[in-house]
């Protein structure tokens, strides 16, 4: 018998998803003080106030299985660029194609928004995954945490 993966449905993130998404993001990277140190009300207020951010959850079996966001940047020379952020698939749903579906959904959103390119930062070990989705290594990324 073949495994029949659950259907994945995307919808924009809502305020009631905030805590669950923050908890899910802990699988990607730790937040100083953990999820309970986050002011959920304030975080949602600031996140939802920015019309250039699109956050999306993927729902499988009535649970949040994945999350990602894209920031639409308006360039000084004209045009728009999409910057994909915070891609995470819950451990129990990995290797079922959800990551590919999530990235495809966000890239489609960028196309609809009129972006001429889509960029993202990733860990070295995930480069082959993104290469498979037609992303190419172009620049060296750096961060400074404050």
N, C-alpha and C. Protein backbone atom coordinates (compact mmCIF):
# COMPACT_ATOMS: atom_id res chain seq x y z
N UNK A 1 0.84 -1.18 0.00
CA UNK A 1 0.00 0.00 0.00
C UNK A 1 0.89 1.25 0.00
N UNK A 2 0.62 2.18 -0.87
CA UNK A 2 1.37 3.41 -0.97
C UNK A 2 0.90 4.40 0.09
N UNK A 3 1.85 5.17 0.62
CA UNK A 3 1.51 6.22 1.57
C UNK A 3 0.82 7.36 0.83
N UNK A 4 -0.32 7.77 1.31
CA UNK A 4 -1.06 8.87 0.72
C UNK A 4 -0.91 10.08 1.63
N UNK A 5 0.00 11.02 1.27
CA UNK A 5 0.23 12.16 2.17
C UNK A 5 -1.02 13.02 2.30
N UNK A 6 -1.18 13.66 3.45
CA UNK A 6 -2.34 14.52 3.64
C UNK A 6 -2.28 15.72 2.70
N UNK A 7 -3.42 16.25 2.42
CA UNK A 7 -3.52 17.43 1.57
C UNK A 7 -2.99 18.63 2.34
N UNK A 8 -2.26 19.49 1.67
CA UNK A 8 -1.74 20.71 2.26
C UNK A 8 -2.50 21.88 1.68
N UNK A 9 -3.07 22.70 2.55
CA UNK A 9 -3.84 23.87 2.12
C UNK A 9 -3.17 25.12 2.69
N UNK A 10 -2.92 26.09 1.83
CA UNK A 10 -2.29 27.33 2.28
C UNK A 10 -3.34 28.39 2.55
N UNK A 11 -3.06 29.19 3.59
CA UNK A 11 -3.89 30.36 3.88
C UNK A 11 -3.00 31.39 4.56
N UNK A 12 -3.37 32.67 4.46
CA UNK A 12 -2.59 33.71 5.15
C UNK A 12 -2.61 33.47 6.66
N UNK A 13 -1.51 33.80 7.30
CA UNK A 13 -1.42 33.67 8.74
C UNK A 13 -2.44 34.62 9.39
N UNK A 14 -3.00 34.19 10.51
CA UNK A 14 -3.92 35.03 11.28
C UNK A 14 -3.35 35.22 12.68
N UNK A 15 -3.93 36.15 13.40
CA UNK A 15 -3.47 36.44 14.76
C UNK A 15 -3.49 35.19 15.63
N UNK A 16 -4.51 34.37 15.49
CA UNK A 16 -4.61 33.17 16.34
C UNK A 16 -3.52 32.15 16.03
N UNK A 17 -2.84 32.28 14.90
CA UNK A 17 -1.74 31.37 14.52
C UNK A 17 -0.40 31.79 15.12
N UNK A 18 -0.32 33.00 15.63
CA UNK A 18 0.97 33.59 16.00
C UNK A 18 1.78 32.71 16.94
N UNK A 19 1.20 32.27 18.04
CA UNK A 19 1.95 31.46 19.01
C UNK A 19 2.41 30.15 18.37
N UNK A 20 1.52 29.48 17.66
CA UNK A 20 1.87 28.20 17.03
C UNK A 20 2.98 28.37 16.01
N UNK A 21 2.95 29.45 15.25
CA UNK A 21 3.99 29.70 14.25
C UNK A 21 5.32 30.01 14.95
N UNK A 22 5.27 30.80 16.01
CA UNK A 22 6.50 31.09 16.76
C UNK A 22 7.09 29.81 17.34
N UNK A 23 6.25 28.92 17.81
CA UNK A 23 6.69 27.63 18.33
C UNK A 23 7.32 26.80 17.21
N UNK A 24 6.69 26.80 16.05
CA UNK A 24 7.22 26.08 14.89
C UNK A 24 8.58 26.65 14.47
N UNK A 25 8.72 27.97 14.50
CA UNK A 25 9.98 28.61 14.12
C UNK A 25 11.13 28.25 15.05
N UNK A 26 10.82 27.79 16.26
CA UNK A 26 11.86 27.31 17.17
C UNK A 26 12.58 26.10 16.58
N UNK A 27 11.94 25.38 15.65
CA UNK A 27 12.59 24.26 14.97
C UNK A 27 13.63 24.75 13.97
N UNK A 28 13.51 26.01 13.57
CA UNK A 28 14.44 26.62 12.62
C UNK A 28 15.61 27.28 13.34
N UNK A 29 15.29 28.09 14.34
CA UNK A 29 16.32 28.76 15.14
C UNK A 29 15.70 29.19 16.46
N UNK A 30 16.53 29.21 17.48
CA UNK A 30 16.05 29.58 18.81
C UNK A 30 15.87 31.09 18.91
N UNK A 31 14.86 31.48 19.66
CA UNK A 31 14.63 32.89 19.96
C UNK A 31 15.11 33.12 21.39
N UNK A 32 15.87 34.19 21.63
CA UNK A 32 16.35 34.44 23.00
C UNK A 32 15.20 34.44 24.01
N UNK A 33 15.29 33.57 24.98
CA UNK A 33 14.24 33.46 25.98
C UNK A 33 13.13 32.51 25.61
N UNK A 34 13.14 32.01 24.37
CA UNK A 34 12.12 31.08 23.92
C UNK A 34 10.82 31.76 23.54
N UNK A 35 9.87 30.96 23.10
CA UNK A 35 8.58 31.47 22.62
C UNK A 35 7.84 32.26 23.70
N UNK A 36 7.96 31.80 24.93
CA UNK A 36 7.22 32.47 26.01
C UNK A 36 7.75 33.87 26.30
N UNK A 37 8.93 34.22 25.78
CA UNK A 37 9.48 35.57 25.96
C UNK A 37 8.93 36.54 24.91
N UNK A 38 8.19 36.04 23.94
CA UNK A 38 7.66 36.87 22.87
C UNK A 38 6.33 37.48 23.31
N UNK A 39 6.19 38.77 23.09
CA UNK A 39 4.91 39.45 23.33
C UNK A 39 4.06 39.22 22.08
N UNK A 40 3.20 38.22 22.14
CA UNK A 40 2.42 37.79 20.98
C UNK A 40 1.56 38.93 20.42
N UNK A 41 0.91 39.67 21.29
CA UNK A 41 0.06 40.79 20.85
C UNK A 41 0.87 41.82 20.08
N UNK A 42 2.01 42.21 20.64
CA UNK A 42 2.86 43.21 20.01
C UNK A 42 3.46 42.68 18.71
N UNK A 43 3.88 41.42 18.73
CA UNK A 43 4.45 40.83 17.52
C UNK A 43 3.44 40.82 16.38
N UNK A 44 2.21 40.39 16.68
CA UNK A 44 1.19 40.36 15.64
C UNK A 44 0.88 41.76 15.14
N UNK A 45 0.78 42.72 16.05
CA UNK A 45 0.47 44.10 15.67
C UNK A 45 1.51 44.63 14.69
N UNK A 46 2.78 44.42 15.00
CA UNK A 46 3.86 44.92 14.14
C UNK A 46 3.93 44.16 12.82
N UNK A 47 3.76 42.85 12.87
CA UNK A 47 3.82 42.04 11.66
C UNK A 47 2.67 42.39 10.71
N UNK A 48 1.47 42.44 11.24
CA UNK A 48 0.29 42.65 10.40
C UNK A 48 0.16 44.09 9.90
N UNK A 49 0.88 45.02 10.52
CA UNK A 49 0.82 46.42 10.10
C UNK A 49 1.59 46.68 8.82
N UNK A 50 2.47 45.78 8.43
CA UNK A 50 3.29 45.96 7.24
C UNK A 50 2.62 45.30 6.04
N UNK A 51 2.08 46.12 5.17
CA UNK A 51 1.37 45.61 3.99
C UNK A 51 2.28 44.90 2.99
N UNK A 52 3.60 45.06 3.15
CA UNK A 52 4.55 44.44 2.21
C UNK A 52 4.96 43.04 2.63
N UNK A 53 4.42 42.55 3.74
CA UNK A 53 4.75 41.20 4.21
C UNK A 53 3.55 40.28 3.98
N UNK A 54 3.83 39.12 3.42
CA UNK A 54 2.82 38.08 3.26
C UNK A 54 3.31 36.85 4.01
N UNK A 55 2.61 36.49 5.07
CA UNK A 55 2.93 35.28 5.83
C UNK A 55 1.87 34.24 5.54
N UNK A 56 2.29 33.00 5.39
CA UNK A 56 1.36 31.95 5.01
C UNK A 56 1.63 30.69 5.84
N UNK A 57 0.55 30.05 6.24
CA UNK A 57 0.66 28.76 6.91
C UNK A 57 0.12 27.69 5.98
N UNK A 58 0.73 26.52 6.06
CA UNK A 58 0.25 25.34 5.34
C UNK A 58 -0.43 24.44 6.36
N UNK A 59 -1.66 24.09 6.10
CA UNK A 59 -2.46 23.29 7.02
C UNK A 59 -2.59 21.86 6.48
N UNK A 60 -2.25 20.89 7.33
CA UNK A 60 -2.43 19.47 7.00
C UNK A 60 -3.04 18.80 8.23
N UNK A 61 -4.05 18.00 8.02
CA UNK A 61 -4.73 17.32 9.13
C UNK A 61 -5.15 18.31 10.22
N UNK A 62 -5.63 19.48 9.81
CA UNK A 62 -6.11 20.52 10.72
C UNK A 62 -5.04 21.09 11.64
N UNK A 63 -3.77 20.95 11.27
CA UNK A 63 -2.67 21.50 12.07
C UNK A 63 -1.76 22.32 11.16
N UNK A 64 -1.04 23.27 11.76
CA UNK A 64 -0.06 24.03 10.99
C UNK A 64 1.14 23.13 10.75
N UNK A 65 1.37 22.81 9.49
CA UNK A 65 2.46 21.92 9.11
C UNK A 65 3.70 22.69 8.65
N UNK A 66 3.49 23.91 8.15
CA UNK A 66 4.61 24.70 7.67
C UNK A 66 4.26 26.18 7.67
N UNK A 67 5.30 26.98 7.58
CA UNK A 67 5.13 28.44 7.57
C UNK A 67 6.23 29.05 6.72
N UNK A 68 5.92 30.15 6.09
CA UNK A 68 6.90 30.94 5.37
C UNK A 68 6.36 32.34 5.15
N UNK A 69 7.25 33.24 4.82
CA UNK A 69 6.81 34.60 4.53
C UNK A 69 7.64 35.18 3.40
N UNK A 70 7.12 36.23 2.83
CA UNK A 70 7.86 36.95 1.79
C UNK A 70 7.63 38.44 2.03
N UNK A 71 8.70 39.18 1.88
CA UNK A 71 8.65 40.64 2.00
C UNK A 71 8.84 41.19 0.60
N UNK A 72 7.93 42.03 0.18
CA UNK A 72 8.04 42.67 -1.14
C UNK A 72 8.79 43.98 -0.95
N UNK A 73 9.94 44.07 -1.60
CA UNK A 73 10.77 45.27 -1.49
C UNK A 73 10.62 46.11 -2.77
N UNK A 74 10.42 47.39 -2.58
CA UNK A 74 10.34 48.31 -3.71
C UNK A 74 11.71 48.93 -3.91
N UNK A 75 12.26 48.76 -5.10
CA UNK A 75 13.62 49.19 -5.40
C UNK A 75 13.66 50.64 -5.87
N UNK A 76 14.75 51.33 -5.56
CA UNK A 76 14.90 52.75 -5.92
C UNK A 76 14.90 52.97 -7.43
N UNK A 77 15.36 51.97 -8.19
CA UNK A 77 15.38 52.10 -9.65
C UNK A 77 14.09 51.62 -10.29
N UNK A 78 13.13 51.27 -9.45
CA UNK A 78 11.87 50.73 -9.95
C UNK A 78 11.86 49.21 -9.83
N UNK A 79 10.72 48.67 -9.91
CA UNK A 79 10.59 47.22 -9.81
C UNK A 79 10.46 46.76 -8.37
N UNK A 80 10.16 45.50 -8.26
CA UNK A 80 9.97 44.88 -6.94
C UNK A 80 10.77 43.59 -6.87
N UNK A 81 11.20 43.30 -5.66
CA UNK A 81 11.92 42.07 -5.38
C UNK A 81 11.23 41.38 -4.21
N UNK A 82 11.10 40.07 -4.30
CA UNK A 82 10.54 39.31 -3.18
C UNK A 82 11.65 38.69 -2.36
N UNK A 83 11.58 38.83 -1.04
CA UNK A 83 12.59 38.26 -0.15
C UNK A 83 11.90 37.23 0.74
N UNK A 84 12.16 35.96 0.46
CA UNK A 84 11.54 34.87 1.22
C UNK A 84 12.28 34.70 2.55
N UNK A 85 11.50 34.52 3.60
CA UNK A 85 12.03 34.42 4.96
C UNK A 85 11.34 33.30 5.74
N UNK A 86 12.01 32.83 6.78
CA UNK A 86 11.40 31.95 7.80
C UNK A 86 10.71 30.71 7.25
N UNK A 87 11.37 30.02 6.35
CA UNK A 87 10.79 28.79 5.81
C UNK A 87 11.00 27.66 6.81
N UNK A 88 9.91 27.06 7.26
CA UNK A 88 10.01 25.96 8.21
C UNK A 88 8.86 24.98 7.99
N UNK A 89 9.22 23.71 8.00
CA UNK A 89 8.24 22.61 7.93
C UNK A 89 8.39 21.83 9.23
N UNK A 90 7.27 21.57 9.91
CA UNK A 90 7.30 20.82 11.15
C UNK A 90 8.01 19.48 10.93
N UNK A 91 8.79 19.07 11.93
CA UNK A 91 9.55 17.82 11.83
C UNK A 91 8.71 16.65 11.32
N UNK A 92 7.49 16.52 11.81
CA UNK A 92 6.67 15.36 11.43
C UNK A 92 6.23 15.38 9.98
N UNK A 93 6.32 16.53 9.32
CA UNK A 93 5.86 16.64 7.93
C UNK A 93 7.01 16.75 6.93
N UNK A 94 8.24 16.69 7.40
CA UNK A 94 9.37 16.83 6.47
C UNK A 94 9.49 15.62 5.55
N UNK A 95 10.08 15.88 4.39
CA UNK A 95 10.31 14.86 3.35
C UNK A 95 9.01 14.34 2.74
N UNK A 96 8.00 15.19 2.73
CA UNK A 96 6.72 14.83 2.12
C UNK A 96 6.35 15.82 1.00
N UNK A 97 7.30 16.68 0.63
CA UNK A 97 7.06 17.63 -0.45
C UNK A 97 6.46 18.95 -0.01
N UNK A 98 6.23 19.12 1.31
CA UNK A 98 5.60 20.35 1.79
C UNK A 98 6.49 21.58 1.59
N UNK A 99 7.80 21.41 1.76
CA UNK A 99 8.72 22.53 1.56
C UNK A 99 8.69 23.04 0.14
N UNK A 100 8.67 22.11 -0.80
CA UNK A 100 8.58 22.49 -2.22
C UNK A 100 7.28 23.22 -2.52
N UNK A 101 6.19 22.70 -1.97
CA UNK A 101 4.89 23.35 -2.18
C UNK A 101 4.86 24.75 -1.58
N UNK A 102 5.46 24.90 -0.40
CA UNK A 102 5.51 26.20 0.27
C UNK A 102 6.31 27.21 -0.55
N UNK A 103 7.49 26.81 -1.00
CA UNK A 103 8.31 27.72 -1.82
C UNK A 103 7.60 28.06 -3.12
N UNK A 104 7.00 27.09 -3.76
CA UNK A 104 6.26 27.35 -5.01
C UNK A 104 5.12 28.34 -4.77
N UNK A 105 4.43 28.18 -3.65
CA UNK A 105 3.34 29.10 -3.32
C UNK A 105 3.87 30.53 -3.15
N UNK A 106 4.98 30.68 -2.44
CA UNK A 106 5.53 32.02 -2.21
C UNK A 106 6.09 32.63 -3.49
N UNK A 107 6.72 31.82 -4.33
CA UNK A 107 7.22 32.32 -5.61
C UNK A 107 6.05 32.78 -6.49
N UNK A 108 4.98 32.01 -6.51
CA UNK A 108 3.78 32.42 -7.27
C UNK A 108 3.22 33.74 -6.75
N UNK A 109 3.23 33.90 -5.44
CA UNK A 109 2.77 35.17 -4.85
C UNK A 109 3.64 36.32 -5.37
N UNK A 110 4.96 36.10 -5.41
CA UNK A 110 5.88 37.13 -5.90
C UNK A 110 5.62 37.46 -7.38
N UNK A 111 5.36 36.43 -8.16
CA UNK A 111 5.04 36.66 -9.58
C UNK A 111 3.78 37.51 -9.71
N UNK A 112 2.77 37.18 -8.94
CA UNK A 112 1.51 37.94 -8.96
C UNK A 112 1.73 39.38 -8.52
N UNK A 113 2.66 39.58 -7.58
CA UNK A 113 2.95 40.93 -7.07
C UNK A 113 3.84 41.73 -8.03
N UNK A 114 4.25 41.11 -9.13
CA UNK A 114 5.05 41.81 -10.13
C UNK A 114 6.54 41.87 -9.83
N UNK A 115 7.04 40.96 -9.04
CA UNK A 115 8.47 40.95 -8.71
C UNK A 115 9.28 40.48 -9.91
N UNK A 116 10.46 41.07 -10.06
CA UNK A 116 11.35 40.64 -11.15
C UNK A 116 12.35 39.59 -10.66
N UNK A 117 12.49 39.43 -9.32
CA UNK A 117 13.34 38.38 -8.79
C UNK A 117 12.86 38.02 -7.39
N UNK A 118 13.28 36.84 -6.95
CA UNK A 118 12.97 36.36 -5.61
C UNK A 118 14.31 35.92 -5.00
N UNK A 119 14.57 36.38 -3.79
CA UNK A 119 15.81 36.03 -3.12
C UNK A 119 15.50 35.38 -1.77
N UNK A 120 16.48 34.65 -1.26
CA UNK A 120 16.36 34.07 0.08
C UNK A 120 17.74 33.76 0.61
N UNK A 121 17.85 33.67 1.91
CA UNK A 121 19.06 33.21 2.58
C UNK A 121 18.78 31.81 3.09
N UNK A 122 19.79 30.96 3.09
CA UNK A 122 19.58 29.61 3.60
C UNK A 122 20.88 29.08 4.19
N UNK A 123 20.76 28.00 4.91
CA UNK A 123 21.92 27.31 5.45
C UNK A 123 22.60 26.54 4.32
N UNK A 124 23.90 26.33 4.47
CA UNK A 124 24.66 25.63 3.44
C UNK A 124 24.07 24.25 3.13
N UNK A 125 23.60 23.57 4.17
CA UNK A 125 23.07 22.22 3.96
C UNK A 125 21.74 22.19 3.20
N UNK A 126 21.07 23.35 3.09
CA UNK A 126 19.81 23.38 2.34
C UNK A 126 19.97 23.91 0.91
N UNK A 127 21.20 24.24 0.53
CA UNK A 127 21.44 24.73 -0.84
C UNK A 127 20.93 23.74 -1.89
N UNK A 128 21.21 22.43 -1.78
CA UNK A 128 20.71 21.51 -2.81
C UNK A 128 19.17 21.52 -2.93
N UNK A 129 18.47 21.67 -1.82
CA UNK A 129 17.00 21.75 -1.84
C UNK A 129 16.56 22.95 -2.68
N UNK A 130 17.15 24.12 -2.42
CA UNK A 130 16.76 25.33 -3.16
C UNK A 130 17.24 25.30 -4.60
N UNK A 131 18.40 24.70 -4.86
CA UNK A 131 18.86 24.53 -6.25
C UNK A 131 17.83 23.74 -7.05
N UNK A 132 17.27 22.71 -6.43
CA UNK A 132 16.26 21.88 -7.08
C UNK A 132 15.02 22.71 -7.47
N UNK A 133 14.80 23.81 -6.73
CA UNK A 133 13.65 24.68 -7.00
C UNK A 133 14.04 25.90 -7.83
N UNK A 134 15.17 25.80 -8.53
CA UNK A 134 15.66 26.79 -9.49
C UNK A 134 16.24 28.05 -8.85
N UNK A 135 16.63 27.98 -7.58
CA UNK A 135 17.37 29.08 -6.97
C UNK A 135 18.85 28.82 -7.19
N UNK A 136 19.60 29.87 -7.44
CA UNK A 136 21.03 29.77 -7.70
C UNK A 136 21.79 30.58 -6.66
N UNK A 137 22.97 30.08 -6.30
CA UNK A 137 23.84 30.84 -5.41
C UNK A 137 24.35 32.05 -6.18
N UNK A 138 24.13 33.25 -5.62
CA UNK A 138 24.53 34.45 -6.33
C UNK A 138 25.46 35.35 -5.52
N UNK A 139 25.20 35.49 -4.25
CA UNK A 139 25.99 36.39 -3.42
C UNK A 139 26.32 35.70 -2.11
N UNK A 140 27.22 36.27 -1.41
CA UNK A 140 27.55 35.76 -0.09
C UNK A 140 26.78 36.57 0.93
N UNK A 141 25.97 35.93 1.73
CA UNK A 141 25.16 36.63 2.73
C UNK A 141 25.89 36.73 4.06
N UNK A 142 25.63 37.80 4.75
CA UNK A 142 26.22 38.00 6.07
C UNK A 142 25.17 38.56 6.99
N UNK A 143 25.36 38.35 8.28
CA UNK A 143 24.42 38.86 9.28
C UNK A 143 25.19 39.47 10.43
N UNK A 144 24.56 40.41 11.07
CA UNK A 144 25.09 40.97 12.31
C UNK A 144 23.92 41.04 13.28
N UNK A 145 23.96 40.21 14.29
CA UNK A 145 22.89 40.19 15.27
C UNK A 145 23.16 41.21 16.35
N UNK A 146 22.15 41.98 16.69
CA UNK A 146 22.30 43.03 17.70
C UNK A 146 21.55 42.69 18.97
